[in-house]
Every structure is written in structure tokens, then in C-alpha cells.
């Protein structure tokens, strides 16, 4: 099943820059996490806060990033994400980070998120309701 792609923009700040004068590799992960947080509320209409109210949370269980071109101070990153697949207790989310000024790919990859019960810390089953709300 193909899933919709959603887009967020993130402005590269001075504190994102490393000693090589480009965005530190760890900030790319932060950009994806920030975009997903925004997109959960705006596009899927089921925010992280709603999960927390239900006693649930998402944790990163794996990720892979392929760096193509660096971002620099003053750039705007376009972060595109989409669900690749939804499993019993996890979801795989693909992403692309693009430099807005050139429309060139800076990085791509995926995150695997596991749904957890916040009380027990154990994996929780993804309900049909959640699947339906995220299957757009």
C-alpha cells in the first residue's frame, strides 16, 4: 500500500554547524524527528501528545542515514517523510532531506519506530485505529 509523503521545512541554525563548517551528522536525525513530530499532528491528525495521553510512545529502534551532500548555515532543509510499512508493533518511516535552494538531496534513509507502553516500557500492539489514521 503506498502511503502519502509529507513535507516540513527546517532552517539550519548556527548551533547545528560542526567544526567542518557544515551541519553535524547528528542534526540530520534531529531534523527528521522534528519533522515527524510536526507531521503527526498536522497531517495525520494524531499527535505525539495523543499517544502519550493513551499511555503510549514511539521509540527509535533502528535508523539508517545515507549522506549525499552537506547542509550549511543559512540553508533551509526540506524534510520529506512517508511510512514504508506498518508492522504489529513497529513502523518503518522513510525520509529525504533536500536543500531547498538547490533542490538537491542531502540525505535519505529510514527510521524504525516501535510503539511502547509507557507504563511497562514494553512493545505495544499497533491498533487498527492507529493504522487507519496513519494509512493516508
C-alpha atoms as a PDB file:
ATOM      1  CA  UNK A   1       0.000   0.000   0.000  1.00  0.00           C
ATOM      2  CA  UNK A   2       1.504   3.365  -0.939  1.00  0.00           C
ATOM      3  CA  UNK A   3       1.498   5.973   1.801  1.00  0.00           C
ATOM      4  CA  UNK A   4       1.415   9.758   1.438  1.00  0.00           C
ATOM      5  CA  UNK A   5       4.600  11.823   1.684  1.00  0.00           C
ATOM      6  CA  UNK A   6       4.598  14.868   3.925  1.00  0.00           C
ATOM      7  CA  UNK A   7       6.979  17.817   3.951  1.00  0.00           C
ATOM      8  CA  UNK A   8       8.372  20.086   6.660  1.00  0.00           C
ATOM      9  CA  UNK A   9      10.921  22.878   6.417  1.00  0.00           C
ATOM     10  CA  UNK A  10      13.712  23.328   8.925  1.00  0.00           C
ATOM     11  CA  UNK A  11      16.072  26.294   8.964  1.00  0.00           C
ATOM     12  CA  UNK A  12      19.722  25.414   9.649  1.00  0.00           C
ATOM     13  CA  UNK A  13      20.832  27.267  12.771  1.00  0.00           C
ATOM     14  CA  UNK A  14      24.343  28.231  13.863  1.00  0.00           C
ATOM     15  CA  UNK A  15      24.329  25.619  16.639  1.00  0.00           C
ATOM     16  CA  UNK A  16      23.736  22.891  14.003  1.00  0.00           C
ATOM     17  CA  UNK A  17      27.187  23.509  12.472  1.00  0.00           C
ATOM     18  CA  UNK A  18      30.235  21.380  13.308  1.00  0.00           C
ATOM     19  CA  UNK A  19      33.963  22.170  13.155  1.00  0.00           C
ATOM     20  CA  UNK A  20      33.957  21.351   9.412  1.00  0.00           C
ATOM     21  CA  UNK A  21      31.543  24.255   8.832  1.00  0.00           C
ATOM     22  CA  UNK A  22      28.564  22.127   7.810  1.00  0.00           C
ATOM     23  CA  UNK A  23      25.643  20.526   9.629  1.00  0.00           C
ATOM     24  CA  UNK A  24      26.778  17.910  12.150  1.00  0.00           C
ATOM     25  CA  UNK A  25      25.631  14.434  11.164  1.00  0.00           C
ATOM     26  CA  UNK A  26      23.529  14.005  14.316  1.00  0.00           C
ATOM     27  CA  UNK A  27      21.424  17.047  13.442  1.00  0.00           C
ATOM     28  CA  UNK A  28      20.043  15.253  10.369  1.00  0.00           C
ATOM     29  CA  UNK A  29      18.436  12.778  12.780  1.00  0.00           C
ATOM     30  CA  UNK A  30      17.024  15.684  14.788  1.00  0.00           C
ATOM     31  CA  UNK A  31      15.589  17.214  11.609  1.00  0.00           C
ATOM     32  CA  UNK A  32      13.687  14.010  10.797  1.00  0.00           C
ATOM     33  CA  UNK A  33      12.408  13.654  14.364  1.00  0.00           C
ATOM     34  CA  UNK A  34      11.242  17.296  14.395  1.00  0.00           C
ATOM     35  CA  UNK A  35       9.506  16.858  11.036  1.00  0.00           C
ATOM     36  CA  UNK A  36       7.720  13.691  12.168  1.00  0.00           C
ATOM     37  CA  UNK A  37       6.559  15.387  15.368  1.00  0.00           C
ATOM     38  CA  UNK A  38       5.055  18.226  13.315  1.00  0.00           C
ATOM     39  CA  UNK A  39       3.573  15.909  10.689  1.00  0.00           C
ATOM     40  CA  UNK A  40       1.934  13.629  13.260  1.00  0.00           C
ATOM     41  CA  UNK A  41      -0.263  16.495  14.438  1.00  0.00           C
ATOM     42  CA  UNK A  42      -0.663  18.435  11.191  1.00  0.00           C
ATOM     43  CA  UNK A  43      -1.002  15.692   8.597  1.00  0.00           C
ATOM     44  CA  UNK A  44      -2.047  12.518  10.401  1.00  0.00           C
ATOM     45  CA  UNK A  45      -4.244  14.339  12.951  1.00  0.00           C
ATOM     46  CA  UNK A  46      -2.862  12.132  15.742  1.00  0.00           C
ATOM     47  CA  UNK A  47      -0.142  13.952  17.652  1.00  0.00           C
ATOM     48  CA  UNK A  48       2.513  12.562  19.943  1.00  0.00           C
ATOM     49  CA  UNK A  49       0.570  14.106  22.824  1.00  0.00           C
ATOM     50  CA  UNK A  50      -2.445  11.979  21.922  1.00  0.00           C
ATOM     51  CA  UNK A  51      -0.284   8.852  22.073  1.00  0.00           C
ATOM     52  CA  UNK A  52       1.074   9.924  25.484  1.00  0.00           C
ATOM     53  CA  UNK A  53      -2.481  10.506  26.768  1.00  0.00           C
ATOM     54  CA  UNK A  54      -3.190   6.893  25.806  1.00  0.00           C
ATOM     55  CA  UNK A  55      -0.105   5.731  27.725  1.00  0.00           C
ATOM     56  CA  UNK A  56       1.842   5.075  24.524  1.00  0.00           C
ATOM     57  CA  UNK A  57       5.025   6.407  22.972  1.00  0.00           C
ATOM     58  CA  UNK A  58       7.250   5.819  19.967  1.00  0.00           C
ATOM     59  CA  UNK A  59      10.929   4.945  20.352  1.00  0.00           C
ATOM     60  CA  UNK A  60      13.542   4.631  17.634  1.00  0.00           C
ATOM     61  CA  UNK A  61      14.611   1.004  17.372  1.00  0.00           C
ATOM     62  CA  UNK A  62      16.810   1.399  14.272  1.00  0.00           C
ATOM     63  CA  UNK A  63      17.815   4.004  11.734  1.00  0.00           C
ATOM     64  CA  UNK A  64      19.927   4.316   8.629  1.00  0.00           C
ATOM     65  CA  UNK A  65      21.147   7.535   7.059  1.00  0.00           C
ATOM     66  CA  UNK A  66      22.863   7.919   3.705  1.00  0.00           C
ATOM     67  CA  UNK A  67      24.641  11.271   3.450  1.00  0.00           C
ATOM     68  CA  UNK A  68      24.847  12.736  -0.057  1.00  0.00           C
ATOM     69  CA  UNK A  69      25.571  16.470   0.231  1.00  0.00           C
ATOM     70  CA  UNK A  70      26.176  18.656   3.254  1.00  0.00           C
ATOM     71  CA  UNK A  71      23.900  21.405   4.522  1.00  0.00           C
ATOM     72  CA  UNK A  72      25.387  24.681   5.756  1.00  0.00           C
ATOM     73  CA  UNK A  73      24.419  27.626   7.916  1.00  0.00           C
ATOM     74  CA  UNK A  74      21.547  29.589   6.409  1.00  0.00           C
ATOM     75  CA  UNK A  75      20.221  26.658   4.368  1.00  0.00           C
ATOM     76  CA  UNK A  76      16.644  25.525   4.633  1.00  0.00           C
ATOM     77  CA  UNK A  77      16.177  21.768   4.761  1.00  0.00           C
ATOM     78  CA  UNK A  78      13.062  20.273   3.250  1.00  0.00           C
ATOM     79  CA  UNK A  79      12.323  17.062   5.153  1.00  0.00           C
ATOM     80  CA  UNK A  80      10.029  14.639   3.350  1.00  0.00           C
ATOM     81  CA  UNK A  81       8.812  11.563   5.199  1.00  0.00           C
ATOM     82  CA  UNK A  82       6.480   8.690   4.466  1.00  0.00           C
ATOM     83  CA  UNK A  83       5.509   5.423   6.037  1.00  0.00           C
ATOM     84  CA  UNK A  84       7.166   2.490   4.321  1.00  0.00           C
ATOM     85  CA  UNK A  85       5.380  -0.227   6.268  1.00  0.00           C
ATOM     86  CA  UNK A  86       3.436  -0.777   9.459  1.00  0.00           C
ATOM     87  CA  UNK A  87       4.002  -3.958  11.439  1.00  0.00           C
ATOM     88  CA  UNK A  88       2.443  -5.410  14.558  1.00  0.00           C
ATOM     89  CA  UNK A  89       4.395  -3.211  16.996  1.00  0.00           C
ATOM     90  CA  UNK A  90       6.561  -1.047  14.729  1.00  0.00           C
ATOM     91  CA  UNK A  91       6.509   1.266  11.749  1.00  0.00           C
ATOM     92  CA  UNK A  92       9.237   1.962   9.221  1.00  0.00           C
ATOM     93  CA  UNK A  93       9.412   5.582   8.039  1.00  0.00           C
ATOM     94  CA  UNK A  94      11.464   6.633   5.036  1.00  0.00           C
ATOM     95  CA  UNK A  95      12.850  10.136   4.675  1.00  0.00           C
ATOM     96  CA  UNK A  96      14.642  12.533   2.358  1.00  0.00           C
ATOM     97  CA  UNK A  97      16.359  15.758   3.366  1.00  0.00           C
ATOM     98  CA  UNK A  98      16.704  18.220   0.498  1.00  0.00           C
ATOM     99  CA  UNK A  99      18.492  21.586   0.335  1.00  0.00           C
ATOM    100  CA  UNK A 100      15.703  23.970  -0.624  1.00  0.00           C
ATOM    101  CA  UNK A 101      17.863  26.419  -2.610  1.00  0.00           C
ATOM    102  CA  UNK A 102      19.189  23.741  -5.000  1.00  0.00           C
ATOM    103  CA  UNK A 103      16.506  21.044  -4.686  1.00  0.00           C
ATOM    104  CA  UNK A 104      19.395  18.550  -4.275  1.00  0.00           C
ATOM    105  CA  UNK A 105      19.282  15.553  -1.959  1.00  0.00           C
ATOM    106  CA  UNK A 106      21.395  15.978   1.186  1.00  0.00           C
ATOM    107  CA  UNK A 107      20.493  12.719   2.925  1.00  0.00           C
ATOM    108  CA  UNK A 108      17.987   9.899   2.852  1.00  0.00           C
ATOM    109  CA  UNK A 109      17.248   6.792   4.836  1.00  0.00           C
ATOM    110  CA  UNK A 110      14.742   5.341   7.236  1.00  0.00           C
ATOM    111  CA  UNK A 111      13.767   5.099  10.882  1.00  0.00           C
ATOM    112  CA  UNK A 112      12.110   2.128  12.538  1.00  0.00           C
ATOM    113  CA  UNK A 113       9.878   3.204  15.410  1.00  0.00           C
ATOM    114  CA  UNK A 114       8.483   0.795  17.986  1.00  0.00           C
ATOM    115  CA  UNK A 115       5.247   1.639  19.792  1.00  0.00           C
ATOM    116  CA  UNK A 116       5.728   1.165  23.537  1.00  0.00           C
ATOM    117  CA  UNK A 117       3.508   1.100  26.590  1.00  0.00           C
ATOM    118  CA  UNK A 118       4.853   3.981  28.693  1.00  0.00           C
ATOM    119  CA  UNK A 119       3.992   2.241  31.972  1.00  0.00           C
ATOM    120  CA  UNK A 120       5.774  -1.031  31.220  1.00  0.00           C
ATOM    121  CA  UNK A 121       8.324   0.094  28.622  1.00  0.00           C
ATOM    122  CA  UNK A 122       7.392  -2.930  26.511  1.00  0.00           C
ATOM    123  CA  UNK A 123       6.307  -3.013  22.897  1.00  0.00           C
ATOM    124  CA  UNK A 124       2.602  -2.374  22.358  1.00  0.00           C
ATOM    125  CA  UNK A 125       0.427  -3.589  19.515  1.00  0.00           C
ATOM    126  CA  UNK A 126      -0.445  -1.013  16.887  1.00  0.00           C
ATOM    127  CA  UNK A 127      -4.247  -0.913  16.839  1.00  0.00           C
ATOM    128  CA  UNK A 128      -6.441  -0.883  13.755  1.00  0.00           C
ATOM    129  CA  UNK A 129      -7.447   2.689  14.632  1.00  0.00           C
ATOM    130  CA  UNK A 130      -3.834   3.869  14.572  1.00  0.00           C
ATOM    131  CA  UNK A 131      -3.202   2.014  11.294  1.00  0.00           C
ATOM    132  CA  UNK A 132      -6.275   3.628   9.762  1.00  0.00           C
ATOM    133  CA  UNK A 133      -5.307   7.147  10.849  1.00  0.00           C
ATOM    134  CA  UNK A 134      -1.756   6.739   9.534  1.00  0.00           C
ATOM    135  CA  UNK A 135      -2.745   4.999   6.284  1.00  0.00           C
ATOM    136  CA  UNK A 136      -3.179   8.079   4.167  1.00  0.00           C
END
